[in-house]
């Protein structure tokens, strides 16, 4: 059995929890630093199938925190308390690495590992890189690299050289971007698209899940270097496309 305290220290070295946004809830979500665990599982989300499948006394590290907003009551018939009940009954510890991991690993992994682009700069959540062709070719590259069939895009400008990427939901960054021709992100809303068009910024919505489903893949390799063996448990995309 291993100590949660030691694992948290390792995770903090990999991606410091102090980097998380003030509204975030990364870190130890359920359990005690003094607890022990037998196995490590990695997933994008905490869901019922995962909790019911993994053995007792495990630790589940996810990107998205199960508890995000303050809970005013623990109602085991309602989400997320219904999942907390399973975790408590099985003595499963929960840890989240959310906005801190966005800033240290996610964006540059997509750009370098998936898009095969080695020259880029990162500022917080945003990764910047150059593209030497047009918007259509960039969309084709994304579909091929991320293995997705559809993209939601806006064509606001003929320019597509200076690119910004924010994994997850990053359309709000449109307001703070300068000298950017295209923003790649997920969960773009209608009014965010209208604002981007006014600013002559192209938008490519790859989907939230599609940009972040690599969480386990990224973290498992890193943990191996610290002597931990982690098992990746794939989360299911909650959306289907007809």
Protein backbone atom coordinates (compact mmCIF):
# COMPACT_ATOMS: atom_id res chain seq x y z
CA UNK A 1 0.00 0.00 0.00
CA UNK A 2 1.18 3.51 -0.82
CA UNK A 3 0.47 6.87 0.81
CA UNK A 4 -1.76 9.52 -0.72
CA UNK A 5 0.53 12.17 0.74
CA UNK A 6 3.49 10.96 -1.32
CA UNK A 7 1.40 10.75 -4.48
CA UNK A 8 0.10 14.30 -4.00
CA UNK A 9 3.65 15.57 -3.58
CA UNK A 10 4.61 13.87 -6.85
CA UNK A 11 1.61 15.31 -8.68
CA UNK A 12 2.44 18.74 -7.30
CA UNK A 13 5.93 18.40 -8.75
CA UNK A 14 4.51 17.38 -12.13
CA UNK A 15 1.93 20.18 -12.23
CA UNK A 16 1.86 22.51 -9.19
CA UNK A 17 -1.61 22.81 -7.70
CA UNK A 18 -0.88 26.47 -6.90
CA UNK A 19 -1.19 27.17 -10.62
CA UNK A 20 -4.90 26.41 -10.60
CA UNK A 21 -7.38 29.25 -11.07
CA UNK A 22 -9.08 30.71 -7.99
CA UNK A 23 -12.45 29.28 -9.09
CA UNK A 24 -11.04 25.78 -9.63
CA UNK A 25 -11.08 22.78 -7.29
CA UNK A 26 -7.98 20.76 -8.15
CA UNK A 27 -6.19 18.60 -5.60
CA UNK A 28 -7.53 16.04 -3.15
CA UNK A 29 -11.32 15.90 -3.64
CA UNK A 30 -12.16 12.89 -1.45
CA UNK A 31 -9.99 11.19 1.14
CA UNK A 32 -7.17 12.10 3.51
CA UNK A 33 -3.51 12.80 2.86
CA UNK A 34 -2.77 10.05 5.39
CA UNK A 35 -4.82 7.45 3.51
CA UNK A 36 -3.22 4.52 1.76
CA UNK A 37 -4.12 3.14 -1.66
CA UNK A 38 -3.44 0.05 -3.72
CA UNK A 39 -3.91 1.10 -7.37
CA UNK A 40 -3.91 4.29 -9.43
CA UNK A 41 -6.48 4.88 -12.17
CA UNK A 42 -6.59 7.81 -14.56
CA UNK A 43 -9.61 9.22 -16.36
CA UNK A 44 -10.91 12.46 -17.81
CA UNK A 45 -14.01 12.29 -15.61
CA UNK A 46 -15.41 10.55 -12.55
CA UNK A 47 -18.36 8.50 -13.72
CA UNK A 48 -20.45 5.63 -12.40
CA UNK A 49 -19.00 2.99 -14.70
CA UNK A 50 -15.44 3.73 -13.60
CA UNK A 51 -16.26 3.79 -9.89
CA UNK A 52 -18.14 0.51 -10.15
CA UNK A 53 -15.33 -1.11 -12.14
CA UNK A 54 -12.18 -0.23 -10.19
CA UNK A 55 -11.33 -2.14 -7.00
CA UNK A 56 -11.68 -0.91 -3.44
CA UNK A 57 -8.91 1.19 -1.86
CA UNK A 58 -7.88 2.67 -5.22
CA UNK A 59 -7.15 6.29 -6.12
CA UNK A 60 -8.78 7.84 -9.16
CA UNK A 61 -7.04 10.86 -10.68
CA UNK A 62 -9.18 12.84 -13.11
CA UNK A 63 -8.81 16.05 -15.07
CA UNK A 64 -12.25 17.41 -14.19
CA UNK A 65 -13.12 17.66 -10.46
CA UNK A 66 -16.23 15.75 -9.40
CA UNK A 67 -16.99 18.49 -6.86
CA UNK A 68 -16.73 21.83 -8.62
CA UNK A 69 -19.30 24.12 -7.03
CA UNK A 70 -19.87 24.14 -3.25
CA UNK A 71 -22.30 21.43 -2.13
CA UNK A 72 -25.16 22.66 0.04
CA UNK A 73 -26.45 19.15 0.71
CA UNK A 74 -25.38 15.54 0.26
CA UNK A 75 -28.30 13.91 -1.50
CA UNK A 76 -27.29 10.43 -2.62
CA UNK A 77 -30.04 10.44 -5.23
CA UNK A 78 -28.53 13.45 -7.02
CA UNK A 79 -25.32 14.09 -8.96
CA UNK A 80 -22.54 14.38 -7.85
CA UNK A 81 -23.43 12.98 -4.40
CA UNK A 82 -24.63 9.75 -6.02
CA UNK A 83 -21.08 9.14 -7.26
CA UNK A 84 -19.51 10.24 -3.98
CA UNK A 85 -21.57 7.55 -2.26
CA UNK A 86 -19.99 4.82 -4.41
CA UNK A 87 -16.50 6.20 -3.86
CA UNK A 88 -16.97 6.40 -0.10
CA UNK A 89 -18.39 2.89 0.12
CA UNK A 90 -15.41 1.50 -1.81
CA UNK A 91 -12.84 3.73 -0.06
CA UNK A 92 -11.81 5.24 -3.39
CA UNK A 93 -9.79 8.42 -3.13
CA UNK A 94 -10.40 11.17 -5.70
CA UNK A 95 -7.82 13.66 -6.97
CA UNK A 96 -8.29 16.27 -9.71
CA UNK A 97 -5.68 18.01 -11.87
CA UNK A 98 -7.64 20.61 -13.79
CA UNK A 99 -6.54 24.15 -14.65
CA UNK A 100 -3.04 23.56 -13.31
CA UNK A 101 -2.65 20.69 -15.80
CA UNK A 102 -4.09 22.85 -18.60
CA UNK A 103 -1.30 25.33 -18.04
CA UNK A 104 1.57 22.85 -17.76
CA UNK A 105 0.76 19.99 -20.13
CA UNK A 106 -2.44 19.86 -22.16
CA UNK A 107 -2.04 22.48 -24.86
CA UNK A 108 1.56 21.76 -25.69
CA UNK A 109 0.81 18.03 -25.85
CA UNK A 110 -1.86 18.60 -28.50
CA UNK A 111 0.39 20.89 -30.51
CA UNK A 112 3.64 18.93 -30.26
CA UNK A 113 2.51 15.31 -29.97
CA UNK A 114 -0.65 15.30 -32.07
CA UNK A 115 -0.21 18.13 -34.57
CA UNK A 116 3.56 17.48 -34.82
CA UNK A 117 4.41 21.16 -34.45
CA UNK A 118 7.64 21.74 -32.52
CA UNK A 119 7.84 25.53 -32.61
CA UNK A 120 5.31 27.19 -30.29
CA UNK A 121 4.95 29.52 -27.32
CA UNK A 122 2.70 29.17 -24.31
CA UNK A 123 1.20 31.85 -22.08
CA UNK A 124 -0.98 30.35 -19.35
CA UNK A 125 -3.81 28.44 -20.99
CA UNK A 126 -2.97 29.60 -24.52
CA UNK A 127 -0.51 27.92 -26.89
CA UNK A 128 0.54 29.97 -29.93
CA UNK A 129 1.99 28.59 -33.17
CA UNK A 130 2.25 29.47 -36.85
CA UNK A 131 0.48 27.77 -39.74
CA UNK A 132 1.83 28.04 -43.27
CA UNK A 133 -1.35 27.23 -45.16
CA UNK A 134 -5.06 28.07 -45.14
CA UNK A 135 -7.93 27.43 -42.72
CA UNK A 136 -9.22 24.41 -44.64
CA UNK A 137 -5.86 22.66 -44.43
CA UNK A 138 -5.66 23.38 -40.69
CA UNK A 139 -9.12 21.85 -40.21
CA UNK A 140 -8.06 18.77 -42.18
CA UNK A 141 -4.94 18.44 -40.02
CA UNK A 142 -7.00 18.65 -36.82
CA UNK A 143 -9.52 16.06 -38.00
CA UNK A 144 -6.73 13.70 -39.00
CA UNK A 145 -4.60 14.20 -35.88
CA UNK A 146 -7.45 14.13 -33.34
CA UNK A 147 -9.31 11.39 -35.22
CA UNK A 148 -12.58 13.31 -35.33
CA UNK A 149 -15.10 13.48 -38.15
CA UNK A 150 -16.66 16.90 -37.69
CA UNK A 151 -15.58 20.39 -36.70
CA UNK A 152 -17.65 23.50 -36.00
CA UNK A 153 -15.97 26.53 -37.53
CA UNK A 154 -16.44 30.20 -38.33
CA UNK A 155 -14.67 31.81 -41.28
CA UNK A 156 -14.10 35.39 -40.24
CA UNK A 157 -10.90 36.14 -42.12
CA UNK A 158 -8.86 34.86 -45.06
CA UNK A 159 -5.78 34.90 -42.85
CA UNK A 160 -4.72 31.76 -41.02
CA UNK A 161 -1.10 32.19 -40.01
CA UNK A 162 -1.07 33.04 -36.32
CA UNK A 163 -2.90 30.33 -34.38
CA UNK A 164 -3.95 30.09 -30.71
CA UNK A 165 -5.10 26.89 -29.03
CA UNK A 166 -6.90 26.51 -25.70
CA UNK A 167 -8.00 23.01 -24.69
CA UNK A 168 -11.41 22.63 -23.06
CA UNK A 169 -13.71 25.67 -23.24
CA UNK A 170 -11.60 28.62 -24.32
CA UNK A 171 -13.72 30.83 -26.54
CA UNK A 172 -13.77 33.57 -23.87
CA UNK A 173 -10.07 34.14 -24.62
CA UNK A 174 -11.10 35.79 -27.91
CA UNK A 175 -11.40 39.08 -26.03
CA UNK A 176 -7.78 39.02 -24.88
CA UNK A 177 -6.09 37.69 -28.02
CA UNK A 178 -4.08 40.02 -30.22
CA UNK A 179 -2.44 39.34 -33.58
CA UNK A 180 -4.23 35.98 -33.82
CA UNK A 181 -5.98 34.78 -36.97
CA UNK A 182 -7.56 31.62 -35.60
CA UNK A 183 -8.49 30.14 -32.22
CA UNK A 184 -8.79 26.37 -31.75
CA UNK A 185 -10.83 25.32 -28.71
CA UNK A 186 -14.07 23.60 -27.65
CA UNK A 187 -17.61 24.45 -26.48
CA UNK A 188 -17.92 27.65 -28.52
CA UNK A 189 -21.20 29.48 -27.94
CA UNK A 190 -23.18 31.46 -30.50
CA UNK A 191 -22.42 34.89 -29.06
CA UNK A 192 -18.73 34.05 -28.68
CA UNK A 193 -18.69 33.21 -32.39
CA UNK A 194 -20.34 36.55 -33.20
CA UNK A 195 -17.71 38.40 -31.18
CA UNK A 196 -14.88 36.49 -32.87
CA UNK A 197 -16.27 37.39 -36.29
CA UNK A 198 -16.31 41.06 -35.34
CA UNK A 199 -12.66 40.74 -34.33
CA UNK A 200 -11.79 38.92 -37.60
CA UNK A 201 -10.72 35.79 -35.76
CA UNK A 202 -11.52 32.38 -37.23
CA UNK A 203 -12.82 29.79 -34.77
CA UNK A 204 -12.44 26.01 -34.80
CA UNK A 205 -14.49 24.07 -32.26
CA UNK A 206 -13.04 20.55 -31.94
CA UNK A 207 -15.18 19.67 -28.91
CA UNK A 208 -14.30 19.67 -25.23
CA UNK A 209 -13.93 15.91 -24.91
CA UNK A 210 -12.01 15.61 -28.17
CA UNK A 211 -9.29 18.00 -27.00
CA UNK A 212 -8.94 16.58 -23.48
CA UNK A 213 -9.48 12.83 -23.76
CA UNK A 214 -5.68 12.41 -23.70
CA UNK A 215 -5.37 13.21 -19.99
CA UNK A 216 -4.68 9.63 -18.90
CA UNK A 217 -2.26 9.06 -21.76
CA UNK A 218 -0.22 12.11 -20.82
CA UNK A 219 -0.13 11.55 -17.06
CA UNK A 220 0.47 7.78 -17.15
CA UNK A 221 3.79 8.21 -18.97
CA UNK A 222 4.94 10.90 -16.57
CA UNK A 223 4.00 8.92 -13.47
CA UNK A 224 6.04 5.98 -14.75
CA UNK A 225 9.13 8.15 -14.46
CA UNK A 226 8.34 8.63 -10.77
CA UNK A 227 7.93 4.91 -10.11
CA UNK A 228 4.13 4.76 -10.21
CA UNK A 229 2.11 2.42 -12.40
CA UNK A 230 -1.21 3.91 -13.46
CA UNK A 231 -4.06 2.30 -15.38
CA UNK A 232 -5.93 4.43 -17.92
CA UNK A 233 -9.69 4.18 -17.80
CA UNK A 234 -11.29 5.88 -20.80
CA UNK A 235 -14.22 8.16 -20.11
CA UNK A 236 -17.10 8.14 -22.56
CA UNK A 237 -17.98 11.21 -24.54
CA UNK A 238 -21.46 12.23 -23.27
CA UNK A 239 -22.40 13.43 -26.76
CA UNK A 240 -23.33 11.48 -29.86
CA UNK A 241 -23.44 13.04 -33.31
CA UNK A 242 -26.12 12.01 -35.81
